[in-house]
Amino acid sequence: MSGVSDTAILGFDPPRVLRHAHVQSLLGSWPIRDWLARRRAASLLAASTAEILDCGDARLLGYYSPPASEPRGLVVLLHGWEGSADSQYMLSAGALAHEAGYAVFRLNFRDHGNTHALNEGLFHSCRLDEVARAVGEAAARYPARRVVLIGYSLGGNFAMRVAAAAPRLGLRLDRVLAICPVLRPHSTMEALERGLWIYRQYFLRRWRRSLLAKAAAFPTLYDFGRLERFRTLTETTAYFVERYTEFPDLDAYLDGYTLTGGTLEGLDVPARMIVADDDPVIPIADLDDVARSAALEITRAPAGGHCGFVEDFFLGSWLDRLLRAELGAFA
């Protein structure tokens, strides 16, 4: 493995009662953490202005928050599937970066964050170019000494693919951090279908709500019928892939945004993946199939669940400590 794991240095060691993968994953999005994150992000939100970026075939909405003084850099944040620029982890990381003197841009993917009316086409996870263009447009609009890209879950997957494609797209990135990125979409789909039902139902419920919003925004284009007829994520995804994407079938689509195989082989942007061995959504075994480069560093924690990393009974975040160290060292 290229890079050095500094898990032991940062010392993620939560109390035993908090160590279980599902406890970590569910606590990560517990409502009280949303409240705490929003309270902490008061200055970030007060400084935020809504910006629509022209990304070629798409328009994407984001929120820019300048610091009080000359920025130390620009941090661009990417959320997970069915999250948004206002998700708890986005506000938490954004507040931390803002406090550290960085300008922050929180991006919404297509059809996320109530942006269904901005674009006719549906979101899917292979829309890499528009996300990369959004990152580039944000960096061009708000020039800074350095650009740091941070993504969570599917956003972490996008962040790593944007980094790999940066030379081709003429995109300047100085550092990329990917927290619990989707590694092999086939495996994540299987984990969601076979794992604890609450994750599957969470995504089905939110996706159905998003699709209904899309149909309401473009009633002459979309009539999805009764979405409850699809009982699984696999069945739902296959239906939409075959009818609303350029991919011939589900397998081709899932292969289109994998990080395994040679996807990251030519990576030359300094990047770090932060993963948990017990992630119930992203099987850690797939890490062995990710191509290594000298630019890639991987930090593995023995516990943490999916984007959880709750380290104490006060709901403190190990990720926040790690990100603070990263941004401080980088500046």
Protein backbone atom coordinates (compact mmCIF):
# COMPACT_ATOMS: atom_id res chain seq x y z
CA MET A 1 0.00 0.00 0.00
CA SER A 2 1.30 3.45 -0.91
CA GLY A 3 1.20 6.16 1.71
CA VAL A 4 1.25 5.97 5.47
CA SER A 5 -1.73 5.25 7.69
CA ASP A 6 -1.77 7.63 10.64
CA THR A 7 -4.81 6.14 12.37
CA ALA A 8 -2.75 5.31 15.46
CA ILE A 9 -1.37 8.84 15.63
CA LEU A 10 -4.82 10.42 15.60
CA GLY A 11 -6.10 7.77 18.01
CA PHE A 12 -9.70 6.97 17.11
CA ASP A 13 -10.70 4.88 20.11
CA PRO A 14 -14.36 5.39 21.05
CA PRO A 15 -15.90 3.83 24.19
CA ARG A 16 -16.85 0.18 23.70
CA VAL A 17 -20.59 0.92 23.73
CA LEU A 18 -20.13 3.30 20.78
CA ARG A 19 -17.88 1.07 18.69
CA HIS A 20 -20.49 -0.99 16.85
CA ALA A 21 -20.66 -0.17 13.14
CA HIS A 22 -24.41 0.50 13.15
CA VAL A 23 -24.18 2.68 16.25
CA GLN A 24 -21.44 4.72 14.59
CA SER A 25 -23.30 5.00 11.28
CA LEU A 26 -26.63 5.95 12.81
CA LEU A 27 -25.16 8.37 15.35
CA GLY A 28 -23.40 10.07 12.46
CA SER A 29 -26.75 11.41 11.24
CA TRP A 30 -28.56 11.65 14.56
CA PRO A 31 -30.80 14.77 14.73
CA ILE A 32 -28.98 16.26 17.69
CA ARG A 33 -25.76 16.24 15.65
CA ASP A 34 -27.60 18.17 12.94
CA TRP A 35 -28.56 20.78 15.52
CA LEU A 36 -25.03 20.96 16.92
CA ALA A 37 -23.54 21.28 13.44
CA ARG A 38 -25.93 24.04 12.42
CA ARG A 39 -25.22 25.93 15.63
CA ARG A 40 -21.50 25.64 15.10
CA ALA A 41 -21.89 26.70 11.46
CA ALA A 42 -23.64 29.98 12.31
CA SER A 43 -20.75 32.11 10.99
CA LEU A 44 -20.37 29.94 7.89
CA LEU A 45 -24.08 30.22 7.10
CA ALA A 46 -24.19 33.96 7.84
CA ALA A 47 -21.41 34.47 5.28
CA SER A 48 -22.98 32.17 2.65
CA THR A 49 -24.27 33.35 -0.69
CA ALA A 50 -26.05 31.11 -3.19
CA GLU A 51 -24.23 30.69 -6.51
CA ILE A 52 -25.37 28.88 -9.66
CA LEU A 53 -22.45 27.49 -11.63
CA ASP A 54 -22.57 26.96 -15.39
CA CYS A 55 -21.17 23.48 -15.91
CA GLY A 56 -21.70 23.03 -19.62
CA ASP A 57 -24.70 20.75 -19.90
CA ALA A 58 -25.85 21.48 -16.37
CA ARG A 59 -26.32 24.24 -13.83
CA LEU A 60 -25.41 23.38 -10.25
CA LEU A 61 -26.20 25.32 -7.09
CA GLY A 62 -23.66 25.88 -4.36
CA TYR A 63 -22.99 28.16 -1.41
CA TYR A 64 -19.87 30.27 -1.04
CA SER A 65 -18.65 31.47 2.36
CA PRO A 66 -15.59 33.75 2.44
CA PRO A 67 -13.63 34.08 5.68
CA ALA A 68 -13.29 37.39 7.50
CA SER A 69 -9.76 37.96 6.19
CA GLU A 70 -7.61 36.87 3.23
CA PRO A 71 -8.41 33.17 2.70
CA ARG A 72 -5.73 30.56 3.30
CA GLY A 73 -7.26 28.56 0.49
CA LEU A 74 -10.55 27.33 -0.96
CA VAL A 75 -12.26 24.18 0.34
CA VAL A 76 -14.88 22.64 -1.96
CA LEU A 77 -17.22 20.15 -0.26
CA LEU A 78 -19.13 17.31 -1.96
CA HIS A 79 -22.00 15.55 -0.20
CA GLY A 80 -23.20 11.95 -0.42
CA TRP A 81 -26.10 10.47 -2.36
CA GLU A 82 -29.41 12.10 -1.37
CA GLY A 83 -27.54 14.49 0.91
CA SER A 84 -27.12 18.19 0.18
CA ALA A 85 -24.96 21.24 0.78
CA ASP A 86 -26.76 21.57 4.12
CA SER A 87 -26.14 18.02 5.35
CA GLN A 88 -24.76 17.78 8.87
CA TYR A 89 -21.30 16.61 7.80
CA MET A 90 -21.10 19.38 5.17
CA LEU A 91 -21.90 22.05 7.74
CA SER A 92 -19.52 20.52 10.28
CA ALA A 93 -16.60 20.35 7.85
CA GLY A 94 -17.48 23.71 6.35
CA ALA A 95 -17.56 25.40 9.75
CA LEU A 96 -14.23 23.85 10.67
CA ALA A 97 -12.58 25.03 7.44
CA HIS A 98 -14.16 28.47 7.75
CA GLU A 99 -12.88 28.84 11.32
CA ALA A 100 -9.42 27.87 10.06
CA GLY A 101 -9.46 30.79 7.61
CA TYR A 102 -10.50 29.01 4.43
CA ALA A 103 -13.11 30.11 1.93
CA VAL A 104 -15.71 27.33 1.61
CA PHE A 105 -17.87 26.26 -1.33
CA ARG A 106 -20.57 23.69 -0.57
CA LEU A 107 -21.79 22.15 -3.83
CA ASN A 108 -25.14 20.48 -4.52
CA PHE A 109 -25.13 17.71 -7.10
CA ARG A 110 -27.82 17.77 -9.76
CA ASP A 111 -31.29 17.03 -8.25
CA HIS A 112 -30.01 17.45 -4.68
CA GLY A 113 -30.77 20.23 -2.23
CA ASN A 114 -34.13 21.07 -3.85
CA THR A 115 -32.53 21.84 -7.23
CA HIS A 116 -34.71 19.50 -9.30
CA ALA A 117 -35.96 22.32 -11.53
CA LEU A 118 -32.48 23.52 -12.55
CA ASN A 119 -31.82 20.76 -15.11
CA GLU A 120 -34.04 18.58 -17.26
CA GLY A 121 -31.91 15.43 -17.08
CA LEU A 122 -31.88 13.17 -14.04
CA PHE A 123 -28.92 12.86 -11.70
CA HIS A 124 -26.83 9.75 -11.89
CA SER A 125 -23.45 8.85 -10.42
CA CYS A 126 -21.57 8.87 -13.72
CA ARG A 127 -22.11 12.59 -14.34
CA LEU A 128 -18.46 13.25 -13.56
CA ASP A 129 -17.70 16.05 -16.00
CA GLU A 130 -20.34 18.43 -14.65
CA VAL A 131 -19.10 17.96 -11.09
CA ALA A 132 -15.49 18.50 -12.19
CA ARG A 133 -16.52 21.62 -14.12
CA ALA A 134 -18.33 22.91 -11.03
CA VAL A 135 -15.17 22.47 -8.95
CA GLY A 136 -13.17 24.26 -11.63
CA GLU A 137 -15.73 27.06 -11.93
CA ALA A 138 -15.76 27.60 -8.16
CA ALA A 139 -11.96 27.77 -8.15
CA ALA A 140 -11.97 30.25 -11.05
CA ARG A 141 -14.63 32.42 -9.45
CA TYR A 142 -12.89 32.55 -6.11
CA PRO A 143 -9.13 32.37 -6.75
CA ALA A 144 -7.11 31.11 -3.79
CA ARG A 145 -3.57 30.02 -3.08
CA ARG A 146 -4.65 26.41 -2.85
CA VAL A 147 -7.74 24.32 -3.59
CA VAL A 148 -8.77 21.44 -1.35
CA LEU A 149 -11.57 19.06 -2.41
CA ILE A 150 -13.35 17.07 0.31
CA GLY A 151 -16.08 14.49 -0.33
CA TYR A 152 -18.19 12.10 1.70
CA SER A 153 -19.46 8.67 0.60
CA LEU A 154 -20.62 9.11 -3.02
CA GLY A 155 -19.12 12.60 -2.80
CA GLY A 156 -15.83 10.97 -1.80
CA ASN A 157 -16.10 8.76 -4.87
CA PHE A 158 -16.68 11.83 -7.04
CA ALA A 159 -13.77 13.63 -5.37
CA MET A 160 -11.35 10.81 -6.20
CA ARG A 161 -12.56 10.58 -9.80
CA VAL A 162 -12.31 14.35 -10.21
CA ALA A 163 -8.74 14.15 -8.91
CA ALA A 164 -7.88 11.35 -11.35
CA ALA A 165 -9.39 13.32 -14.24
CA ALA A 166 -7.87 16.68 -13.22
CA PRO A 167 -4.99 16.66 -15.78
CA ARG A 168 -7.36 15.78 -18.63
CA LEU A 169 -9.73 18.57 -17.61
CA GLY A 170 -7.05 21.15 -16.90
CA LEU A 171 -8.23 21.35 -13.30
CA ARG A 172 -5.89 22.48 -10.53
CA LEU A 173 -6.26 20.69 -7.21
CA ASP A 174 -3.77 20.80 -4.37
CA ARG A 175 -5.27 18.22 -2.01
CA VAL A 176 -8.18 15.75 -2.00
CA LEU A 177 -9.78 14.06 0.99
CA ALA A 178 -12.34 11.29 0.49
CA ILE A 179 -14.24 10.06 3.55
CA CYS A 180 -15.73 6.56 3.21
CA PRO A 181 -15.86 6.80 -0.60
CA VAL A 182 -17.89 4.31 -2.60
CA LEU A 183 -15.21 1.94 -3.90
CA ARG A 184 -17.04 -0.66 -5.96
CA PRO A 185 -20.70 0.24 -6.59
CA HIS A 186 -21.71 -3.40 -7.12
CA SER A 187 -20.51 -4.22 -3.61
CA THR A 188 -22.22 -1.21 -2.06
CA MET A 189 -25.49 -2.10 -3.77
CA GLU A 190 -25.22 -5.66 -2.45
CA ALA A 191 -24.37 -4.42 1.05
CA LEU A 192 -27.41 -2.15 1.06
CA GLU A 193 -29.70 -4.92 -0.17
CA ARG A 194 -28.45 -7.59 2.24
CA GLY A 195 -27.53 -5.45 5.24
CA LEU A 196 -29.54 -3.73 7.93
CA TRP A 197 -32.89 -2.73 6.46
CA ILE A 198 -32.78 0.81 7.80
CA TYR A 199 -30.10 1.91 5.30
CA ARG A 200 -31.98 0.46 2.35
CA GLN A 201 -35.27 2.06 3.40
CA TYR A 202 -33.58 5.38 4.08
CA PHE A 203 -32.21 5.61 0.55
CA LEU A 204 -35.37 4.27 -1.10
CA ARG A 205 -37.52 6.80 0.75
CA ARG A 206 -35.29 9.76 -0.06
CA TRP A 207 -34.77 8.72 -3.68
CA ARG A 208 -38.51 8.30 -4.24
CA ARG A 209 -39.12 11.74 -2.77
CA SER A 210 -36.45 13.20 -5.08
CA LEU A 211 -37.93 11.52 -8.15
CA LEU A 212 -41.39 12.85 -7.33
CA ALA A 213 -39.92 16.35 -7.05
CA LYS A 214 -38.30 15.89 -10.46
CA ALA A 215 -41.56 14.78 -12.02
CA ALA A 216 -43.34 17.77 -10.48
CA ALA A 217 -40.71 20.12 -11.92
CA PHE A 218 -40.97 18.59 -15.42
CA PRO A 219 -44.42 16.98 -15.68
CA THR A 220 -44.30 16.74 -19.48
CA LEU A 221 -41.00 14.83 -19.35
CA TYR A 222 -41.43 12.47 -16.42
CA ASP A 223 -44.20 10.23 -15.19
CA PHE A 224 -42.63 7.51 -13.10
CA GLY A 225 -45.87 5.94 -11.98
CA ARG A 226 -46.12 4.32 -8.58
CA LEU A 227 -42.53 4.12 -7.38
CA GLU A 228 -43.42 1.71 -4.58
CA ARG A 229 -43.73 -1.02 -7.22
CA PHE A 230 -39.95 -1.24 -7.05
CA ARG A 231 -39.16 -3.04 -3.81
CA THR A 232 -35.35 -2.89 -3.92
CA LEU A 233 -32.61 -0.41 -4.78
CA THR A 234 -31.31 -2.81 -7.43
CA GLU A 235 -34.66 -3.01 -9.19
CA THR A 236 -35.19 0.74 -9.01
CA THR A 237 -31.71 1.55 -10.26
CA ALA A 238 -31.94 -0.92 -13.15
CA TYR A 239 -35.22 0.64 -14.29
CA PHE A 240 -33.83 4.17 -14.36
CA VAL A 241 -30.49 3.18 -15.89
CA GLU A 242 -32.16 1.46 -18.82
CA ARG A 243 -34.61 4.29 -19.50
CA TYR A 244 -32.83 7.48 -18.54
CA THR A 245 -29.09 6.97 -19.06
CA GLU A 246 -26.79 6.10 -21.94
CA PHE A 247 -25.78 2.82 -20.26
CA PRO A 248 -27.14 -0.44 -21.69
CA ASP A 249 -27.66 -2.13 -18.34
CA LEU A 250 -27.12 -1.93 -14.60
CA ASP A 251 -23.70 -3.59 -14.65
CA ALA A 252 -22.30 -1.13 -17.18
CA TYR A 253 -23.61 1.79 -15.15
CA LEU A 254 -22.17 0.56 -11.85
CA ASP A 255 -18.82 -0.10 -13.53
CA GLY A 256 -18.92 3.49 -14.78
CA TYR A 257 -18.17 5.01 -11.39
CA THR A 258 -16.05 2.39 -9.70
CA LEU A 259 -12.78 3.32 -8.00
CA THR A 260 -11.46 -0.23 -8.28
CA GLY A 261 -9.34 -1.55 -11.11
CA GLY A 262 -7.20 1.05 -12.84
CA THR A 263 -9.38 4.11 -12.14
CA LEU A 264 -6.84 5.76 -9.83
CA GLU A 265 -3.70 4.34 -11.42
CA GLY A 266 -2.57 7.65 -12.89
CA LEU A 267 -3.55 9.77 -9.90
CA ASP A 268 -1.02 12.53 -9.29
CA VAL A 269 -3.00 14.91 -7.04
CA PRO A 270 -2.07 14.36 -3.36
CA ALA A 271 -5.07 12.50 -1.98
CA ARG A 272 -6.12 10.69 1.15
CA MET A 273 -8.91 8.15 1.57
CA ILE A 274 -10.29 7.78 5.09
CA VAL A 275 -12.07 4.46 5.55
CA ALA A 276 -13.41 2.26 8.32
CA ASP A 277 -12.85 -1.48 8.40
CA ASP A 278 -16.38 -2.03 9.72
CA ASP A 279 -18.22 0.22 7.24
CA PRO A 280 -21.59 -1.53 6.67
CA VAL A 281 -22.11 0.23 3.33
CA ILE A 282 -18.61 0.24 1.78
CA PRO A 283 -17.04 -3.25 2.08
CA ILE A 284 -13.41 -2.77 3.09
CA ALA A 285 -12.30 -5.82 1.05
CA ASP A 286 -12.69 -3.74 -2.13
CA LEU A 287 -9.80 -1.56 -1.01
CA ASP A 288 -7.45 -4.33 -2.17
CA ASP A 289 -8.64 -3.77 -5.75
CA VAL A 290 -7.94 -0.01 -5.81
CA ALA A 291 -4.88 0.85 -7.91
CA ARG A 292 -2.22 2.59 -5.83
CA SER A 293 -0.08 5.53 -6.82
CA ALA A 294 2.52 7.51 -4.93
CA ALA A 295 -0.02 10.32 -4.60
CA LEU A 296 -2.57 8.19 -2.72
CA GLU A 297 -2.53 7.84 1.05
CA ILE A 298 -5.02 5.61 2.85
CA THR A 299 -6.01 5.94 6.48
CA ARG A 300 -7.88 2.94 7.88
CA ALA A 301 -9.67 3.06 11.20
CA PRO A 302 -10.69 -0.26 12.79
CA ALA A 303 -14.12 1.18 13.57
CA GLY A 304 -16.22 4.18 12.57
CA GLY A 305 -19.07 2.74 10.52
CA HIS A 306 -20.16 4.72 7.50
CA CYS A 307 -19.07 8.35 7.90
CA GLY A 308 -19.61 8.06 11.66
CA PHE A 309 -16.34 8.29 13.59
CA VAL A 310 -18.11 9.47 16.76
CA GLU A 311 -15.43 9.38 19.43
CA ASP A 312 -17.19 10.14 22.74
CA PHE A 313 -20.53 10.49 24.52
CA PHE A 314 -20.56 14.20 23.70
CA LEU A 315 -20.83 13.15 20.03
CA GLY A 316 -17.40 14.55 19.25
CA SER A 317 -16.07 13.86 15.77
CA TRP A 318 -12.73 12.19 15.10
CA LEU A 319 -13.14 13.32 11.50
CA ASP A 320 -13.22 16.93 12.62
CA ARG A 321 -9.92 16.45 14.43
CA LEU A 322 -8.41 14.78 11.38
CA LEU A 323 -9.63 17.50 9.01
CA ARG A 324 -8.40 20.23 11.34
CA ALA A 325 -4.96 18.61 11.36
CA GLU A 326 -5.00 18.26 7.56
CA LEU A 327 -5.99 21.87 6.90
CA GLY A 328 -3.60 23.20 9.52
CA ALA A 329 -0.64 21.24 8.18
CA PHE A 330 -1.47 22.09 4.59
CA ALA A 331 -1.71 25.82 5.23
